[in-house]
């Protein structure tokens, strides 16, 4: 087993991505012409998303070898071995999905990680091109899957299951599918659940972190059903389609905040605390009301 034989399920799927993006765009246009209230597509937004996706593919040409080498090193360190049989794959399915939940949740709850993940939330549209709007700073994710290698899961199995999860999540980025049958909505992450996750409505912020299974959100108290029309994007939206600015704008904002005069505790707070965090003296306090403990996220 070595880093030169890493399974790649994403690159072969690129032609499918292109075909389905075109098909969805035509179908959603038809539904909008019939009066459906969808955000739909715009050329500039879709091109920005596709640019981010292509950049992510090129960056991962190198990064996937680094990540795989890290998993391999941990796998060789541990005496544990799960095996490669059917039961091992079933265990990995649930374990990897749980890792994804916590990766996703922490990338919303800590500004350092949010700076990488905010890219995926920066579109004010919700369609299959949004699924391709991916980060150009993938190293923030590696640590969340490292425990799988220490538990004895083969690095090859880990990267395969990660790809399966990403492929599953592609199709749920659409307004064209309203609801699945109720049993599936209860267990799986669906377009309805994920529309909530991409919305900036106050009741929807930081909800539905699921990868494949929505059960983790139900278990850990982060589930929110879709009950009002989602408003897609950030609480403060970017006014640019420039891929470089989309990729790095929040890192630049963190640097500006961290360089403000103040104690180190404050500077570190700007970097690692919740993206909505501000020093106590800067928290808005409306007359007659106590300070809010969880202000809305200032996204950009």
Protein backbone atom coordinates (compact mmCIF):
# COMPACT_ATOMS: atom_id res chain seq x y z
CA UNK A 1 0.00 0.00 0.00
CA UNK A 2 1.49 3.37 -0.99
CA UNK A 3 0.51 6.86 -2.01
CA UNK A 4 0.91 6.08 -5.72
CA UNK A 5 -2.17 3.84 -5.72
CA UNK A 6 -4.85 6.11 -4.26
CA UNK A 7 -8.34 5.34 -5.56
CA UNK A 8 -9.94 8.35 -7.30
CA UNK A 9 -13.72 8.32 -7.66
CA UNK A 10 -14.14 12.07 -8.15
CA UNK A 11 -12.20 12.77 -11.38
CA UNK A 12 -14.01 10.06 -13.41
CA UNK A 13 -17.31 11.61 -12.27
CA UNK A 14 -16.54 15.04 -13.81
CA UNK A 15 -18.40 14.28 -17.11
CA UNK A 16 -21.44 13.29 -15.02
CA UNK A 17 -21.19 16.56 -13.10
CA UNK A 18 -21.19 18.54 -16.37
CA UNK A 19 -24.16 16.68 -17.85
CA UNK A 20 -26.26 16.91 -14.71
CA UNK A 21 -25.49 20.62 -14.22
CA UNK A 22 -26.78 21.34 -17.74
CA UNK A 23 -29.84 19.12 -17.28
CA UNK A 24 -30.68 20.71 -13.92
CA UNK A 25 -30.28 24.24 -15.29
CA UNK A 26 -32.74 23.51 -18.12
CA UNK A 27 -35.23 21.82 -15.77
CA UNK A 28 -35.09 24.58 -13.13
CA UNK A 29 -35.54 27.24 -15.84
CA UNK A 30 -38.67 25.42 -16.99
CA UNK A 31 -40.00 25.29 -13.42
CA UNK A 32 -39.24 28.99 -12.87
CA UNK A 33 -41.05 29.84 -16.11
CA UNK A 34 -44.03 27.98 -14.65
CA UNK A 35 -43.93 30.21 -11.58
CA UNK A 36 -41.84 28.22 -9.10
CA UNK A 37 -39.97 30.51 -6.69
CA UNK A 38 -36.44 29.16 -7.14
CA UNK A 39 -33.12 31.00 -6.86
CA UNK A 40 -32.14 29.31 -10.11
CA UNK A 41 -28.84 29.89 -11.93
CA UNK A 42 -26.86 32.83 -13.24
CA UNK A 43 -23.91 32.57 -15.60
CA UNK A 44 -21.51 34.53 -13.37
CA UNK A 45 -22.38 32.61 -10.23
CA UNK A 46 -22.17 29.23 -11.95
CA UNK A 47 -18.83 30.08 -13.55
CA UNK A 48 -17.47 31.16 -10.16
CA UNK A 49 -18.59 27.87 -8.63
CA UNK A 50 -17.09 25.84 -11.46
CA UNK A 51 -13.83 27.78 -11.15
CA UNK A 52 -13.67 26.98 -7.44
CA UNK A 53 -14.32 23.32 -8.22
CA UNK A 54 -11.59 23.12 -10.83
CA UNK A 55 -9.15 24.84 -8.49
CA UNK A 56 -10.00 22.33 -5.79
CA UNK A 57 -9.33 19.43 -8.20
CA UNK A 58 -5.90 20.81 -9.17
CA UNK A 59 -4.92 21.48 -5.53
CA UNK A 60 -5.98 17.99 -4.52
CA UNK A 61 -3.68 16.48 -7.14
CA UNK A 62 -0.94 17.26 -4.63
CA UNK A 63 -2.86 17.36 -1.34
CA UNK A 64 -4.36 13.87 -1.68
CA UNK A 65 -0.87 12.36 -1.60
CA UNK A 66 0.01 14.31 1.54
CA UNK A 67 -3.25 13.34 3.26
CA UNK A 68 -2.92 9.69 2.26
CA UNK A 69 0.68 9.58 3.50
CA UNK A 70 -0.52 10.94 6.85
CA UNK A 71 -3.23 8.29 7.16
CA UNK A 72 -0.71 5.63 6.18
CA UNK A 73 1.77 6.77 8.83
CA UNK A 74 -0.90 6.61 11.55
CA UNK A 75 -2.12 3.23 10.27
CA UNK A 76 1.38 1.81 10.58
CA UNK A 77 1.72 3.20 14.10
CA UNK A 78 -1.38 1.55 15.52
CA UNK A 79 -1.59 -2.18 16.34
CA UNK A 80 -5.33 -2.14 15.57
CA UNK A 81 -6.66 -3.65 12.35
CA UNK A 82 -10.34 -3.59 11.38
CA UNK A 83 -9.89 -5.66 8.25
CA UNK A 84 -11.38 -5.21 4.79
CA UNK A 85 -14.47 -7.41 4.92
CA UNK A 86 -18.13 -6.44 4.62
CA UNK A 87 -18.46 -5.70 8.35
CA UNK A 88 -15.41 -3.41 8.19
CA UNK A 89 -17.03 -1.42 5.37
CA UNK A 90 -20.30 -1.14 7.30
CA UNK A 91 -18.44 0.12 10.37
CA UNK A 92 -16.46 2.55 8.22
CA UNK A 93 -19.63 3.90 6.62
CA UNK A 94 -20.96 5.02 10.01
CA UNK A 95 -17.56 6.04 11.43
CA UNK A 96 -16.60 8.15 8.41
CA UNK A 97 -20.01 9.81 8.37
CA UNK A 98 -19.62 10.70 12.05
CA UNK A 99 -16.16 12.15 11.32
CA UNK A 100 -17.71 14.22 8.53
CA UNK A 101 -20.37 15.57 10.90
CA UNK A 102 -17.76 16.83 13.37
CA UNK A 103 -15.48 18.13 10.60
CA UNK A 104 -18.42 20.08 9.21
CA UNK A 105 -19.66 21.34 12.56
CA UNK A 106 -16.23 22.56 13.74
CA UNK A 107 -15.73 24.28 10.37
CA UNK A 108 -18.79 26.36 11.22
CA UNK A 109 -18.05 26.94 14.90
CA UNK A 110 -14.39 28.04 14.73
CA UNK A 111 -13.45 30.99 12.55
CA UNK A 112 -10.08 29.54 11.52
CA UNK A 113 -11.82 26.51 10.03
CA UNK A 114 -14.76 28.58 8.77
CA UNK A 115 -12.31 30.61 6.66
CA UNK A 116 -11.73 27.49 4.58
CA UNK A 117 -15.33 26.28 4.53
CA UNK A 118 -17.06 29.64 3.92
CA UNK A 119 -16.20 29.21 0.22
CA UNK A 120 -18.88 26.54 -0.07
CA UNK A 121 -21.53 28.86 1.41
CA UNK A 122 -20.65 31.97 -0.58
CA UNK A 123 -23.18 31.54 -3.39
CA UNK A 124 -26.62 33.14 -3.18
CA UNK A 125 -27.92 30.38 -5.42
CA UNK A 126 -28.52 26.72 -4.67
CA UNK A 127 -27.96 24.25 -7.47
CA UNK A 128 -25.58 21.53 -8.56
CA UNK A 129 -22.85 24.05 -9.37
CA UNK A 130 -22.96 25.10 -5.70
CA UNK A 131 -21.86 21.57 -4.79
CA UNK A 132 -18.72 22.13 -6.87
CA UNK A 133 -17.84 25.42 -5.10
CA UNK A 134 -15.10 23.88 -2.95
CA UNK A 135 -12.25 25.15 -0.81
CA UNK A 136 -8.73 25.85 -2.04
CA UNK A 137 -7.36 25.24 1.48
CA UNK A 138 -8.12 21.55 2.16
CA UNK A 139 -5.44 20.94 4.87
CA UNK A 140 -7.88 22.14 7.57
CA UNK A 141 -9.86 18.91 7.17
CA UNK A 142 -7.25 16.15 7.53
CA UNK A 143 -7.23 15.89 11.32
CA UNK A 144 -10.93 14.99 11.50
CA UNK A 145 -10.42 11.69 9.66
CA UNK A 146 -7.07 10.81 11.26
CA UNK A 147 -8.76 8.82 14.10
CA UNK A 148 -10.05 6.32 11.53
CA UNK A 149 -6.49 5.35 10.62
CA UNK A 150 -5.59 5.03 14.32
CA UNK A 151 -8.61 2.76 14.81
CA UNK A 152 -7.18 0.43 12.17
CA UNK A 153 -9.15 1.30 9.05
CA UNK A 154 -7.10 0.96 5.88
CA UNK A 155 -6.12 4.35 4.36
CA UNK A 156 -7.41 3.11 1.00
CA UNK A 157 -10.79 2.38 2.55
CA UNK A 158 -10.84 5.80 4.23
CA UNK A 159 -10.26 7.77 1.02
CA UNK A 160 -12.76 5.62 -0.88
CA UNK A 161 -15.46 6.24 1.71
CA UNK A 162 -14.66 9.96 1.77
CA UNK A 163 -15.21 10.01 -2.00
CA UNK A 164 -18.48 8.08 -1.66
CA UNK A 165 -19.69 10.69 0.84
CA UNK A 166 -18.73 13.59 -1.46
CA UNK A 167 -20.45 11.96 -4.43
CA UNK A 168 -23.60 11.42 -2.38
CA UNK A 169 -23.64 15.05 -1.28
CA UNK A 170 -23.44 16.31 -4.86
CA UNK A 171 -27.03 15.55 -5.82
CA UNK A 172 -28.62 17.10 -2.72
CA UNK A 173 -27.58 20.61 -3.86
CA UNK A 174 -30.77 21.30 -5.78
CA UNK A 175 -34.10 23.07 -5.49
CA UNK A 176 -35.66 20.78 -8.08
CA UNK A 177 -36.35 17.97 -5.56
CA UNK A 178 -38.77 19.08 -2.86
CA UNK A 179 -39.04 16.10 -0.51
CA UNK A 180 -38.20 12.39 -0.47
CA UNK A 181 -40.52 9.83 1.19
CA UNK A 182 -40.74 10.48 4.94
CA UNK A 183 -38.66 7.46 6.12
CA UNK A 184 -35.78 8.59 3.89
CA UNK A 185 -36.12 12.19 5.10
CA UNK A 186 -35.80 10.95 8.68
CA UNK A 187 -32.58 8.97 8.08
CA UNK A 188 -30.77 10.57 5.13
CA UNK A 189 -29.42 13.99 4.33
CA UNK A 190 -31.72 15.21 1.56
CA UNK A 191 -32.09 18.29 -0.65
CA UNK A 192 -34.61 19.70 1.83
CA UNK A 193 -32.28 19.24 4.83
CA UNK A 194 -29.29 20.63 2.97
CA UNK A 195 -31.18 23.67 1.68
CA UNK A 196 -31.62 24.56 5.34
CA UNK A 197 -27.88 24.23 5.88
CA UNK A 198 -27.10 26.63 3.02
CA UNK A 199 -29.61 29.24 4.16
CA UNK A 200 -28.88 32.45 6.06
CA UNK A 201 -32.30 32.66 7.72
CA UNK A 202 -31.70 33.13 11.48
CA UNK A 203 -33.49 29.90 12.39
CA UNK A 204 -31.40 27.94 9.88
CA UNK A 205 -27.90 29.15 10.81
CA UNK A 206 -25.49 26.35 11.76
CA UNK A 207 -27.97 23.51 11.33
CA UNK A 208 -27.97 20.19 9.46
CA UNK A 209 -24.26 19.35 9.25
CA UNK A 210 -24.94 15.86 7.87
CA UNK A 211 -22.91 14.14 5.20
CA UNK A 212 -25.01 11.12 4.25
CA UNK A 213 -26.99 10.45 7.44
CA UNK A 214 -29.11 13.14 9.11
CA UNK A 215 -29.27 11.00 12.28
CA UNK A 216 -26.19 12.74 13.74
CA UNK A 217 -27.96 16.11 13.64
CA UNK A 218 -31.00 14.59 15.30
CA UNK A 219 -28.77 12.98 17.93
CA UNK A 220 -26.63 16.06 18.71
CA UNK A 221 -29.39 18.66 18.55
CA UNK A 222 -28.44 20.46 15.34
CA UNK A 223 -31.37 19.36 13.16
CA UNK A 224 -33.78 21.90 11.71
CA UNK A 225 -36.55 21.04 9.22
CA UNK A 226 -37.27 23.20 6.19
CA UNK A 227 -40.35 25.20 7.18
CA UNK A 228 -39.73 28.59 5.59
CA UNK A 229 -38.22 29.55 2.25
CA UNK A 230 -34.41 29.48 2.51
CA UNK A 231 -32.44 32.62 1.72
CA UNK A 232 -29.16 31.30 0.37
CA UNK A 233 -25.72 32.70 1.01
CA UNK A 234 -24.06 34.41 3.95
CA UNK A 235 -25.35 36.84 6.53
CA UNK A 236 -23.10 39.36 4.79
CA UNK A 237 -22.70 38.34 1.19
CA UNK A 238 -19.65 38.75 -1.01
CA UNK A 239 -20.02 41.23 -3.86
CA UNK A 240 -17.58 39.45 -6.15
CA UNK A 241 -17.30 36.47 -8.50
CA UNK A 242 -13.49 36.53 -8.39
CA UNK A 243 -12.40 32.99 -7.43
CA UNK A 244 -9.25 34.20 -5.63
CA UNK A 245 -11.23 36.58 -3.44
CA UNK A 246 -13.86 33.90 -2.78
CA UNK A 247 -11.12 31.46 -1.75
CA UNK A 248 -9.19 33.71 0.62
CA UNK A 249 -11.41 36.62 1.71
CA UNK A 250 -12.07 35.28 5.21
CA UNK A 251 -8.41 34.52 5.88
CA UNK A 252 -7.68 38.15 4.96
CA UNK A 253 -10.46 39.32 7.29
CA UNK A 254 -9.04 37.23 10.14
CA UNK A 255 -5.59 38.74 9.58
CA UNK A 256 -7.02 42.26 9.70
CA UNK A 257 -8.91 41.56 12.93
CA UNK A 258 -6.00 39.76 14.58
CA UNK A 259 -3.72 42.74 13.93
CA UNK A 260 -6.03 45.16 15.75
CA UNK A 261 -4.59 46.58 18.98
CA UNK A 262 -5.47 44.44 21.97
CA UNK A 263 -4.35 41.58 24.21
CA UNK A 264 -3.32 38.20 22.80
CA UNK A 265 -6.51 36.64 24.17
CA UNK A 266 -8.51 38.98 21.95
CA UNK A 267 -6.34 38.31 18.90
CA UNK A 268 -6.65 34.55 19.36
CA UNK A 269 -10.38 34.96 19.83
CA UNK A 270 -10.65 36.56 16.40
CA UNK A 271 -8.82 33.57 14.93
CA UNK A 272 -10.24 30.55 16.70
CA UNK A 273 -13.54 31.43 18.37
CA UNK A 274 -16.97 31.38 16.76
CA UNK A 275 -17.08 33.40 13.51
CA UNK A 276 -19.64 35.71 15.15
CA UNK A 277 -17.44 36.39 18.19
CA UNK A 278 -16.33 39.91 19.05
CA UNK A 279 -14.59 41.29 22.15
CA UNK A 280 -17.05 41.93 24.96
CA UNK A 281 -16.92 45.70 24.67
CA UNK A 282 -17.85 45.45 20.95
CA UNK A 283 -20.93 43.27 21.45
CA UNK A 284 -24.09 45.22 20.51
CA UNK A 285 -26.42 45.59 23.48
CA UNK A 286 -29.86 46.98 22.61
CA UNK A 287 -31.38 49.16 25.38
CA UNK A 288 -33.17 47.08 27.96
CA UNK A 289 -31.82 43.76 26.66
CA UNK A 290 -28.93 41.58 27.87
CA UNK A 291 -26.02 40.93 25.48
CA UNK A 292 -26.69 38.21 22.94
CA UNK A 293 -24.59 35.11 23.54
CA UNK A 294 -24.75 33.96 19.90
CA UNK A 295 -24.92 36.89 17.45
CA UNK A 296 -25.37 36.15 13.79
CA UNK A 297 -22.23 35.17 11.94
CA UNK A 298 -20.50 38.02 10.14
CA UNK A 299 -19.54 35.93 7.17
CA UNK A 300 -17.12 37.95 5.17
